[in-house]
PDB file of N, CA and C in Angstrom:
ATOM      1  N   MET A   1       4.948 -61.849 147.034  1.00  0.00           N
ATOM      2  CA  MET A   1       3.862 -62.690 147.575  1.00  0.00           C
ATOM      3  C   MET A   1       3.297 -62.067 148.869  1.00  0.00           C
ATOM      4  N   ALA A   2       4.185 -61.699 149.761  1.00  0.00           N
ATOM      5  CA  ALA A   2       3.731 -61.123 151.039  1.00  0.00           C
ATOM      6  C   ALA A   2       2.930 -59.852 150.795  1.00  0.00           C
ATOM      7  N   LYS A   3       3.386 -59.065 149.826  1.00  0.00           N
ATOM      8  CA  LYS A   3       2.701 -57.783 149.564  1.00  0.00           C
ATOM      9  C   LYS A   3       1.265 -58.036 149.102  1.00  0.00           C
ATOM     10  N   SER A   4       1.081 -58.933 148.153  1.00  0.00           N
ATOM     11  CA  SER A   4      -0.270 -59.203 147.631  1.00  0.00           C
ATOM     12  C   SER A   4      -1.171 -59.716 148.761  1.00  0.00           C
ATOM     13  N   HIS A   5      -0.600 -60.512 149.665  1.00  0.00           N
ATOM     14  CA  HIS A   5      -1.399 -61.044 150.775  1.00  0.00           C
ATOM     15  C   HIS A   5      -1.908 -59.894 151.647  1.00  0.00           C
ATOM     16  N   GLU A   6      -1.048 -58.934 151.904  1.00  0.00           N
ATOM     17  CA  GLU A   6      -1.438 -57.784 152.736  1.00  0.00           C
ATOM     18  C   GLU A   6      -2.539 -56.984 152.054  1.00  0.00           C
ATOM     19  N   THR A   7      -2.397 -56.781 150.746  1.00  0.00           N
ATOM     20  CA  THR A   7      -3.404 -55.995 150.019  1.00  0.00           C
ATOM     21  C   THR A   7      -4.752 -56.713 150.075  1.00  0.00           C
ATOM     22  N   LYS A   8      -4.731 -58.027 149.999  1.00  0.00           N
ATOM     23  CA  LYS A   8      -5.992 -58.788 150.059  1.00  0.00           C
ATOM     24  C   LYS A   8      -6.666 -58.540 151.407  1.00  0.00           C
ATOM     25  N   LYS A   9      -5.878 -58.519 152.466  1.00  0.00           N
ATOM     26  CA  LYS A   9      -6.433 -58.262 153.804  1.00  0.00           C
ATOM     27  C   LYS A   9      -7.071 -56.883 153.827  1.00  0.00           C
ATOM     28  N   ASP A  10      -6.373 -55.902 153.271  1.00  0.00           N
ATOM     29  CA  ASP A  10      -6.897 -54.526 153.245  1.00  0.00           C
ATOM     30  C   ASP A  10      -8.198 -54.475 152.454  1.00  0.00           C
ATOM     31  N   GLU A  11      -8.248 -55.191 151.354  1.00  0.00           N
ATOM     32  CA  GLU A  11      -9.461 -55.184 150.519  1.00  0.00           C
ATOM     33  C   GLU A  11     -10.647 -55.733 151.312  1.00  0.00           C
ATOM     34  N   LYS A  12     -10.405 -56.785 152.078  1.00  0.00           N
ATOM     35  CA  LYS A  12     -11.491 -57.374 152.876  1.00  0.00           C
ATOM     36  C   LYS A  12     -11.982 -56.348 153.890  1.00  0.00           C
ATOM     37  N   LYS A  13     -11.048 -55.676 154.544  1.00  0.00           N
ATOM     38  CA  LYS A  13     -11.423 -54.657 155.537  1.00  0.00           C
ATOM     39  C   LYS A  13     -12.213 -53.549 154.858  1.00  0.00           C
ATOM     40  N   LYS A  14     -11.768 -53.145 153.677  1.00  0.00           N
ATOM     41  CA  LYS A  14     -12.450 -52.062 152.948  1.00  0.00           C
ATOM     42  C   LYS A  14     -13.879 -52.482 152.608  1.00  0.00           C
ATOM     43  N   SER A  15     -14.055 -53.705 152.123  1.00  0.00           N
ATOM     44  CA  SER A  15     -15.396 -54.171 151.735  1.00  0.00           C
ATOM     45  C   SER A  15     -16.319 -54.158 152.953  1.00  0.00           C
ATOM     46  N   GLN A  16     -15.797 -54.573 154.108  1.00  0.00           N
ATOM     47  CA  GLN A  16     -16.623 -54.579 155.320  1.00  0.00           C
ATOM     48  C   GLN A  16     -16.994 -53.154 155.698  1.00  0.00           C
ATOM     49  N   LYS A  17     -16.042 -52.239 155.544  1.00  0.00           N
ATOM     50  CA  LYS A  17     -16.306 -50.830 155.879  1.00  0.00           C
ATOM     51  C   LYS A  17     -17.400 -50.279 154.972  1.00  0.00           C
ATOM     52  N   THR A  18     -17.303 -50.551 153.687  1.00  0.00           N
ATOM     53  CA  THR A  18     -18.282 -50.008 152.736  1.00  0.00           C
ATOM     54  C   THR A  18     -19.679 -50.529 153.074  1.00  0.00           C
ATOM     55  N   LEU A  19     -19.776 -51.786 153.480  1.00  0.00           N
ATOM     56  CA  LEU A  19     -21.090 -52.351 153.818  1.00  0.00           C
ATOM     57  C   LEU A  19     -21.694 -51.568 154.979  1.00  0.00           C
ATOM     58  N   LYS A  20     -20.868 -51.292 155.985  1.00  0.00           N
ATOM     59  CA  LYS A  20     -21.364 -50.526 157.141  1.00  0.00           C
ATOM     60  C   LYS A  20     -21.759 -49.134 156.694  1.00  0.00           C
ATOM     61  N   GLU A  21     -20.944 -48.536 155.837  1.00  0.00           N
ATOM     62  CA  GLU A  21     -21.231 -47.176 155.363  1.00  0.00           C
ATOM     63  C   GLU A  21     -22.548 -47.147 154.595  1.00  0.00           C
ATOM     64  N   LYS A  22     -22.787 -48.178 153.804  1.00  0.00           N
ATOM     65  CA  LYS A  22     -24.033 -48.235 153.022  1.00  0.00           C
ATOM     66  C   LYS A  22     -25.230 -48.260 153.967  1.00  0.00           C
ATOM     67  N   ARG A  23     -25.127 -49.037 155.034  1.00  0.00           N
ATOM     68  CA  ARG A  23     -26.231 -49.112 156.010  1.00  0.00           C
ATOM     69  C   ARG A  23     -26.452 -47.738 156.633  1.00  0.00           C
ATOM     70  N   VAL A  24     -25.367 -47.072 156.976  1.00  0.00           N
ATOM     71  CA  VAL A  24     -25.473 -45.738 157.593  1.00  0.00           C
ATOM     72  C   VAL A  24     -26.138 -44.782 156.615  1.00  0.00           C
ATOM     73  N   GLU A  25     -25.766 -44.889 155.343  1.00  0.00           N
ATOM     74  CA  GLU A  25     -26.353 -43.995 154.330  1.00  0.00           C
ATOM     75  C   GLU A  25     -27.854 -44.244 154.224  1.00  0.00           C
ATOM     76  N   LYS A  26     -28.259 -45.499 154.251  1.00  0.00           N
ATOM     77  CA  LYS A  26     -29.693 -45.829 154.155  1.00  0.00           C
ATOM     78  C   LYS A  26     -30.442 -45.203 155.332  1.00  0.00           C
ATOM     79  N   LYS A  27     -29.870 -45.334 156.523  1.00  0.00           N
ATOM     80  CA  LYS A  27     -30.504 -44.760 157.719  1.00  0.00           C
ATOM     81  C   LYS A  27     -30.591 -43.248 157.572  1.00  0.00           C
ATOM     82  N   ALA A  28     -29.531 -42.638 157.101  1.00  0.00           N
ATOM     83  CA  ALA A  28     -29.497 -41.177 156.948  1.00  0.00           C
ATOM     84  C   ALA A  28     -30.575 -40.733 155.963  1.00  0.00           C
ATOM     85  N   LYS A  29     -30.733 -41.477 154.886  1.00  0.00           N
ATOM     86  CA  LYS A  29     -31.752 -41.124 153.882  1.00  0.00           C
ATOM     87  C   LYS A  29     -33.142 -41.190 154.506  1.00  0.00           C
ATOM     88  N   LYS A  30     -33.396 -42.218 155.296  1.00  0.00           N
ATOM     89  CA  LYS A  30     -34.712 -42.359 155.941  1.00  0.00           C
ATOM     90  C   LYS A  30     -34.947 -41.179 156.887  1.00  0.00           C
ATOM     91  N   ASP A  31     -33.921 -40.804 157.636  1.00  0.00           N
ATOM     92  CA  ASP A  31     -34.061 -39.693 158.581  1.00  0.00           C
ATOM     93  C   ASP A  31     -34.335 -38.391 157.844  1.00  0.00           C
ATOM     94  N   SER A  32     -33.674 -38.195 156.714  1.00  0.00           N
ATOM     95  CA  SER A  32     -33.839 -36.938 155.972  1.00  0.00           C
ATOM     96  C   SER A  32     -35.249 -36.848 155.383  1.00  0.00           C
ATOM     97  N   LYS A  33     -35.849 -37.991 155.082  1.00  0.00           N
ATOM     98  CA  LYS A  33     -37.201 -37.993 154.486  1.00  0.00           C
ATOM     99  C   LYS A  33     -38.240 -37.532 155.506  1.00  0.00           C
ATOM    100  N   LYS A  34     -38.017 -37.822 156.775  1.00  0.00           N
ATOM    101  CA  LYS A  34     -38.996 -37.475 157.823  1.00  0.00           C
ATOM    102  C   LYS A  34     -39.236 -35.973 157.867  1.00  0.00           C
TER     103      LYS A  34
END
């Protein structure tokens, strides 16, 4: 039980990271187009 709880926390952190990364990628794409 404790293990699954920890993995869920990690998954939430990962999802938040990916969202930030996606924003960074969008900005990078716009910069490269200039």
